All heavy atoms as atom14 arrays in JSON, in Angstrom:
{
  "sequence": "AGIDGETGEIVDMAVKGIWEPLAVKLQVYKT",
  "atom14_mask": [
    [1, 1, 1, 1, 1, 0, 0, 0, 0, 0, 0, 0, 0, 0],
    [1, 1, 1, 1, 0, 0, 0, 0, 0, 0, 0, 0, 0, 0],
    [1, 1, 1, 1, 1, 1, 1, 1, 0, 0, 0, 0, 0, 0],
    [1, 1, 1, 1, 1, 1, 1, 1, 0, 0, 0, 0, 0, 0],
    [1, 1, 1, 1, 0, 0, 0, 0, 0, 0, 0, 0, 0, 0],
    [1, 1, 1, 1, 1, 1, 1, 1, 1, 0, 0, 0, 0, 0],
    [1, 1, 1, 1, 1, 1, 1, 0, 0, 0, 0, 0, 0, 0],
    [1, 1, 1, 1, 0, 0, 0, 0, 0, 0, 0, 0, 0, 0],
    [1, 1, 1, 1, 1, 1, 1, 1, 1, 0, 0, 0, 0, 0],
    [1, 1, 1, 1, 1, 1, 1, 1, 0, 0, 0, 0, 0, 0],
    [1, 1, 1, 1, 1, 1, 1, 0, 0, 0, 0, 0, 0, 0],
    [1, 1, 1, 1, 1, 1, 1, 1, 0, 0, 0, 0, 0, 0],
    [1, 1, 1, 1, 1, 1, 1, 1, 0, 0, 0, 0, 0, 0],
    [1, 1, 1, 1, 1, 0, 0, 0, 0, 0, 0, 0, 0, 0],
    [1, 1, 1, 1, 1, 1, 1, 0, 0, 0, 0, 0, 0, 0],
    [1, 1, 1, 1, 1, 1, 1, 1, 1, 0, 0, 0, 0, 0],
    [1, 1, 1, 1, 0, 0, 0, 0, 0, 0, 0, 0, 0, 0],
    [1, 1, 1, 1, 1, 1, 1, 1, 0, 0, 0, 0, 0, 0],
    [1, 1, 1, 1, 1, 1, 1, 1, 1, 1, 1, 1, 1, 1],
    [1, 1, 1, 1, 1, 1, 1, 1, 1, 0, 0, 0, 0, 0],
    [1, 1, 1, 1, 1, 1, 1, 0, 0, 0, 0, 0, 0, 0],
    [1, 1, 1, 1, 1, 1, 1, 1, 0, 0, 0, 0, 0, 0],
    [1, 1, 1, 1, 1, 0, 0, 0, 0, 0, 0, 0, 0, 0],
    [1, 1, 1, 1, 1, 1, 1, 0, 0, 0, 0, 0, 0, 0],
    [1, 1, 1, 1, 1, 1, 1, 1, 1, 0, 0, 0, 0, 0],
    [1, 1, 1, 1, 1, 1, 1, 1, 0, 0, 0, 0, 0, 0],
    [1, 1, 1, 1, 1, 1, 1, 1, 1, 0, 0, 0, 0, 0],
    [1, 1, 1, 1, 1, 1, 1, 0, 0, 0, 0, 0, 0, 0],
    [1, 1, 1, 1, 1, 1, 1, 1, 1, 1, 1, 1, 0, 0],
    [1, 1, 1, 1, 1, 1, 1, 1, 1, 0, 0, 0, 0, 0],
    [1, 1, 1, 1, 1, 1, 1, 0, 0, 0, 0, 0, 0, 0]
  ],
  "atom14_positions": [
    [[-1.84, 0.59, 29.8], [-0.68, 1.5, 29.32], [-0.24, 2.17, 30.64], [-0.96, 2.82, 31.44], [-1.29, 2.65, 28.37], [0.0, 0.0, 0.0], [0.0, 0.0, 0.0], [0.0, 0.0, 0.0], [0.0, 0.0, 0.0], [0.0, 0.0, 0.0], [0.0, 0.0, 0.0], [0.0, 0.0, 0.0], [0.0, 0.0, 0.0], [0.0, 0.0, 0.0]],
    [[1.07, 2.06, 30.8], [1.77, 2.67, 31.97], [3.26, 3.05, 31.69], [3.59, 3.05, 30.52], [0.0, 0.0, 0.0], [0.0, 0.0, 0.0], [0.0, 0.0, 0.0], [0.0, 0.0, 0.0], [0.0, 0.0, 0.0], [0.0, 0.0, 0.0], [0.0, 0.0, 0.0], [0.0, 0.0, 0.0], [0.0, 0.0, 0.0], [0.0, 0.0, 0.0]],
    [[3.88, 3.54, 32.65], [5.28, 4.06, 32.49], [6.24, 3.05, 32.93], [6.16, 2.47, 33.98], [5.46, 5.28, 33.32], [4.53, 6.46, 32.75], [6.88, 5.77, 33.25], [4.45, 7.72, 33.52], [0.0, 0.0, 0.0], [0.0, 0.0, 0.0], [0.0, 0.0, 0.0], [0.0, 0.0, 0.0], [0.0, 0.0, 0.0], [0.0, 0.0, 0.0]],
    [[7.2, 2.65, 31.99], [8.28, 1.81, 32.39], [9.22, 2.55, 33.3], [9.85, 3.55, 32.96], [9.04, 1.44, 31.03], [10.06, 0.32, 31.28], [10.55, 0.23, 32.49], [10.5, -0.24, 30.35], [0.0, 0.0, 0.0], [0.0, 0.0, 0.0], [0.0, 0.0, 0.0], [0.0, 0.0, 0.0], [0.0, 0.0, 0.0], [0.0, 0.0, 0.0]],
    [[9.26, 2.05, 34.56], [10.05, 2.62, 35.58], [11.53, 2.68, 35.36], [12.25, 3.41, 35.93], [0.0, 0.0, 0.0], [0.0, 0.0, 0.0], [0.0, 0.0, 0.0], [0.0, 0.0, 0.0], [0.0, 0.0, 0.0], [0.0, 0.0, 0.0], [0.0, 0.0, 0.0], [0.0, 0.0, 0.0], [0.0, 0.0, 0.0], [0.0, 0.0, 0.0]],
    [[11.98, 1.91, 34.33], [13.4, 1.82, 34.05], [13.83, 2.89, 33.06], [14.83, 3.62, 33.11], [13.83, 0.45, 33.39], [13.6, -0.7, 34.4], [14.7, -0.81, 35.43], [15.72, -0.09, 35.34], [14.42, -1.54, 36.41], [0.0, 0.0, 0.0], [0.0, 0.0, 0.0], [0.0, 0.0, 0.0], [0.0, 0.0, 0.0], [0.0, 0.0, 0.0]],
    [[12.98, 3.14, 32.02], [13.28, 3.93, 30.92], [12.49, 5.22, 30.83], [12.79, 6.22, 30.27], [13.25, 3.17, 29.48], [11.83, 2.83, 29.3], [14.12, 2.02, 29.52], [0.0, 0.0, 0.0], [0.0, 0.0, 0.0], [0.0, 0.0, 0.0], [0.0, 0.0, 0.0], [0.0, 0.0, 0.0], [0.0, 0.0, 0.0], [0.0, 0.0, 0.0]],
    [[11.29, 5.18, 31.43], [10.33, 6.4, 31.32], [9.35, 6.33, 30.1], [8.74, 7.29, 29.88], [0.0, 0.0, 0.0], [0.0, 0.0, 0.0], [0.0, 0.0, 0.0], [0.0, 0.0, 0.0], [0.0, 0.0, 0.0], [0.0, 0.0, 0.0], [0.0, 0.0, 0.0], [0.0, 0.0, 0.0], [0.0, 0.0, 0.0], [0.0, 0.0, 0.0]],
    [[9.49, 5.27, 29.32], [8.7, 5.15, 28.12], [7.32, 4.55, 28.5], [7.15, 3.89, 29.48], [9.43, 4.28, 27.15], [10.73, 4.76, 26.62], [11.43, 3.73, 25.66], [10.88, 2.62, 25.54], [12.45, 4.0, 25.2], [0.0, 0.0, 0.0], [0.0, 0.0, 0.0], [0.0, 0.0, 0.0], [0.0, 0.0, 0.0], [0.0, 0.0, 0.0]],
    [[6.29, 4.92, 27.62], [4.95, 4.31, 27.89], [4.9, 3.05, 27.19], [5.06, 3.0, 25.98], [3.95, 5.36, 27.32], [3.99, 6.66, 28.1], [2.57, 4.83, 27.43], [3.1, 7.78, 27.6], [0.0, 0.0, 0.0], [0.0, 0.0, 0.0], [0.0, 0.0, 0.0], [0.0, 0.0, 0.0], [0.0, 0.0, 0.0], [0.0, 0.0, 0.0]],
    [[4.52, 2.05, 27.93], [4.5, 0.68, 27.36], [3.24, -0.05, 27.89], [2.58, 0.41, 28.8], [5.74, -0.15, 27.87], [7.01, 0.44, 27.24], [5.87, -0.28, 29.32], [0.0, 0.0, 0.0], [0.0, 0.0, 0.0], [0.0, 0.0, 0.0], [0.0, 0.0, 0.0], [0.0, 0.0, 0.0], [0.0, 0.0, 0.0], [0.0, 0.0, 0.0]],
    [[2.88, -1.21, 27.27], [1.82, -1.97, 27.6], [2.24, -2.87, 28.76], [3.06, -3.74, 28.67], [1.27, -2.85, 26.6], [0.0, -3.59, 26.77], [-0.16, -3.99, 28.0], [-0.92, -3.52, 25.88], [0.0, 0.0, 0.0], [0.0, 0.0, 0.0], [0.0, 0.0, 0.0], [0.0, 0.0, 0.0], [0.0, 0.0, 0.0], [0.0, 0.0, 0.0]],
    [[1.73, -2.62, 30.01], [2.18, -3.35, 31.19], [1.78, -4.81, 31.12], [2.57, -5.71, 31.74], [1.49, -2.69, 32.41], [1.99, -1.36, 32.7], [3.81, -1.38, 33.24], [4.46, 0.05, 32.47], [0.0, 0.0, 0.0], [0.0, 0.0, 0.0], [0.0, 0.0, 0.0], [0.0, 0.0, 0.0], [0.0, 0.0, 0.0], [0.0, 0.0, 0.0]],
    [[0.66, -5.15, 30.47], [0.29, -6.58, 30.39], [1.32, -7.36, 29.5], [1.62, -8.48, 29.76], [-1.07, -6.68, 29.77], [0.0, 0.0, 0.0], [0.0, 0.0, 0.0], [0.0, 0.0, 0.0], [0.0, 0.0, 0.0], [0.0, 0.0, 0.0], [0.0, 0.0, 0.0], [0.0, 0.0, 0.0], [0.0, 0.0, 0.0], [0.0, 0.0, 0.0]],
    [[1.8, -6.75, 28.45], [2.85, -7.33, 27.61], [4.17, -7.44, 28.27], [4.81, -8.43, 28.17], [2.91, -6.51, 26.2], [4.16, -7.05, 25.46], [1.66, -6.58, 25.52], [0.0, 0.0, 0.0], [0.0, 0.0, 0.0], [0.0, 0.0, 0.0], [0.0, 0.0, 0.0], [0.0, 0.0, 0.0], [0.0, 0.0, 0.0], [0.0, 0.0, 0.0]],
    [[4.51, -6.43, 28.95], [5.74, -6.24, 29.7], [5.83, -7.12, 30.91], [6.77, -7.52, 31.49], [6.14, -4.89, 30.08], [7.6, -4.64, 30.54], [7.91, -3.17, 30.53], [9.41, -3.05, 31.02], [10.42, -3.51, 30.05], [0.0, 0.0, 0.0], [0.0, 0.0, 0.0], [0.0, 0.0, 0.0], [0.0, 0.0, 0.0], [0.0, 0.0, 0.0]],
    [[4.68, -7.5, 31.38], [4.49, -8.5, 32.59], [4.66, -7.79, 33.89], [5.26, -8.29, 34.77], [0.0, 0.0, 0.0], [0.0, 0.0, 0.0], [0.0, 0.0, 0.0], [0.0, 0.0, 0.0], [0.0, 0.0, 0.0], [0.0, 0.0, 0.0], [0.0, 0.0, 0.0], [0.0, 0.0, 0.0], [0.0, 0.0, 0.0], [0.0, 0.0, 0.0]],
    [[4.27, -6.56, 34.06], [4.37, -5.84, 35.26], [3.0, -5.78, 36.0], [2.07, -5.05, 35.47], [4.92, -4.42, 35.09], [6.37, -4.46, 34.53], [5.01, -3.66, 36.47], [7.07, -3.18, 34.17], [0.0, 0.0, 0.0], [0.0, 0.0, 0.0], [0.0, 0.0, 0.0], [0.0, 0.0, 0.0], [0.0, 0.0, 0.0], [0.0, 0.0, 0.0]],
    [[2.74, -6.54, 37.08], [1.56, -6.63, 37.66], [1.62, -6.28, 39.22], [2.65, -6.51, 39.78], [0.97, -8.01, 37.4], [0.81, -8.47, 36.05], [1.62, -9.16, 35.27], [-0.38, -8.25, 35.31], [1.11, -9.28, 34.09], [-0.05, -8.81, 33.99], [-1.56, -7.6, 35.46], [-1.07, -8.75, 32.95], [-2.58, -7.6, 34.43], [-2.25, -8.14, 33.23]],
    [[0.46, -5.97, 39.85], [0.5, -5.86, 41.23], [-0.82, -6.52, 41.77], [-1.75, -6.56, 41.04], [0.32, -4.28, 41.61], [1.58, -3.51, 41.25], [1.4, -2.06, 41.79], [1.28, -1.96, 42.99], [1.58, -1.04, 40.96], [0.0, 0.0, 0.0], [0.0, 0.0, 0.0], [0.0, 0.0, 0.0], [0.0, 0.0, 0.0], [0.0, 0.0, 0.0]],
    [[-0.8, -7.05, 43.02], [-2.03, -7.73, 43.57], [-3.1, -6.59, 43.78], [-2.73, -5.46, 44.24], [-1.46, -8.26, 44.82], [0.0, -8.39, 44.69], [0.38, -7.15, 43.82], [0.0, 0.0, 0.0], [0.0, 0.0, 0.0], [0.0, 0.0, 0.0], [0.0, 0.0, 0.0], [0.0, 0.0, 0.0], [0.0, 0.0, 0.0], [0.0, 0.0, 0.0]],
    [[-4.2, -7.02, 43.59], [-5.45, -6.06, 43.87], [-5.51, -5.64, 45.2], [-5.79, -4.51, 45.55], [-6.71, -6.7, 43.32], [-8.03, -5.92, 43.64], [-8.07, -4.59, 42.97], [-9.22, -6.8, 43.32], [0.0, 0.0, 0.0], [0.0, 0.0, 0.0], [0.0, 0.0, 0.0], [0.0, 0.0, 0.0], [0.0, 0.0, 0.0], [0.0, 0.0, 0.0]],
    [[-5.18, -6.66, 46.2], [-5.25, -6.35, 47.58], [-4.35, -5.18, 48.04], [-4.79, -4.34, 48.76], [-4.88, -7.64, 48.35], [0.0, 0.0, 0.0], [0.0, 0.0, 0.0], [0.0, 0.0, 0.0], [0.0, 0.0, 0.0], [0.0, 0.0, 0.0], [0.0, 0.0, 0.0], [0.0, 0.0, 0.0], [0.0, 0.0, 0.0], [0.0, 0.0, 0.0]],
    [[-3.2, -5.09, 47.4], [-2.27, -3.94, 47.84], [-2.82, -2.68, 47.29], [-2.85, -1.66, 48.06], [-0.86, -4.25, 47.2], [0.1, -3.16, 47.38], [-0.35, -5.58, 47.87], [0.0, 0.0, 0.0], [0.0, 0.0, 0.0], [0.0, 0.0, 0.0], [0.0, 0.0, 0.0], [0.0, 0.0, 0.0], [0.0, 0.0, 0.0], [0.0, 0.0, 0.0]],
    [[-3.33, -2.62, 46.15], [-3.84, -1.45, 45.54], [-5.03, -0.91, 46.27], [-5.19, 0.3, 46.54], [-4.16, -1.74, 43.99], [-4.23, -0.42, 43.19], [-3.05, 0.42, 43.29], [-1.86, -0.2, 42.48], [-0.62, 0.68, 42.53], [0.0, 0.0, 0.0], [0.0, 0.0, 0.0], [0.0, 0.0, 0.0], [0.0, 0.0, 0.0], [0.0, 0.0, 0.0]],
    [[-5.91, -1.88, 46.53], [-7.11, -1.44, 47.34], [-6.69, -0.84, 48.75], [-7.23, 0.17, 49.13], [-8.1, -2.66, 47.55], [-8.96, -3.23, 46.36], [-9.62, -4.46, 46.8], [-9.75, -2.1, 45.86], [0.0, 0.0, 0.0], [0.0, 0.0, 0.0], [0.0, 0.0, 0.0], [0.0, 0.0, 0.0], [0.0, 0.0, 0.0], [0.0, 0.0, 0.0]],
    [[-5.78, -1.51, 49.41], [-5.28, -0.99, 50.71], [-4.74, 0.38, 50.56], [-4.87, 1.25, 51.45], [-4.39, -2.02, 51.35], [-4.1, -1.74, 52.74], [-5.18, -1.85, 53.76], [-6.08, -2.74, 53.52], [-5.23, -1.08, 54.69], [0.0, 0.0, 0.0], [0.0, 0.0, 0.0], [0.0, 0.0, 0.0], [0.0, 0.0, 0.0], [0.0, 0.0, 0.0]],
    [[-3.87, 0.54, 49.41], [-3.25, 1.96, 49.25], [-4.4, 2.97, 49.09], [-4.25, 4.04, 49.81], [-2.38, 1.85, 47.97], [-2.0, 3.26, 47.61], [-1.12, 1.03, 48.36], [0.0, 0.0, 0.0], [0.0, 0.0, 0.0], [0.0, 0.0, 0.0], [0.0, 0.0, 0.0], [0.0, 0.0, 0.0], [0.0, 0.0, 0.0], [0.0, 0.0, 0.0]],
    [[-5.37, 2.79, 48.29], [-6.35, 3.71, 48.05], [-7.15, 4.07, 49.29], [-7.42, 5.24, 49.78], [-7.27, 3.35, 46.88], [-6.78, 3.38, 45.56], [-5.35, 3.64, 45.35], [-7.49, 3.15, 44.42], [-4.81, 3.64, 44.07], [-7.07, 3.09, 43.19], [-5.6, 3.3, 42.98], [-5.08, 3.37, 41.68], [0.0, 0.0, 0.0], [0.0, 0.0, 0.0]],
    [[-7.58, 3.04, 49.95], [-8.45, 3.24, 51.13], [-7.58, 3.91, 52.27], [-8.16, 4.82, 52.84], [-8.93, 1.82, 51.76], [-9.9, 1.2, 50.86], [-10.15, -0.24, 51.42], [-11.15, -0.95, 50.43], [-11.5, -2.36, 50.83], [0.0, 0.0, 0.0], [0.0, 0.0, 0.0], [0.0, 0.0, 0.0], [0.0, 0.0, 0.0], [0.0, 0.0, 0.0]],
    [[-6.41, 3.46, 52.68], [-5.55, 4.18, 53.52], [-5.27, 5.61, 53.28], [-5.38, 6.43, 54.17], [-4.23, 3.27, 53.82], [-4.64, 1.95, 53.98], [-3.45, 3.91, 54.96], [0.0, 0.0, 0.0], [0.0, 0.0, 0.0], [0.0, 0.0, 0.0], [0.0, 0.0, 0.0], [0.0, 0.0, 0.0], [0.0, 0.0, 0.0], [0.0, 0.0, 0.0]]
  ]
}
């Protein structure tokens, strides 16, 4: 469950198809 960046509504990101690589997210948190 996340926020649709276009409308601001709460939607299921897996259904909407909005994904990010794990490598990017890990680097963001660590840095």
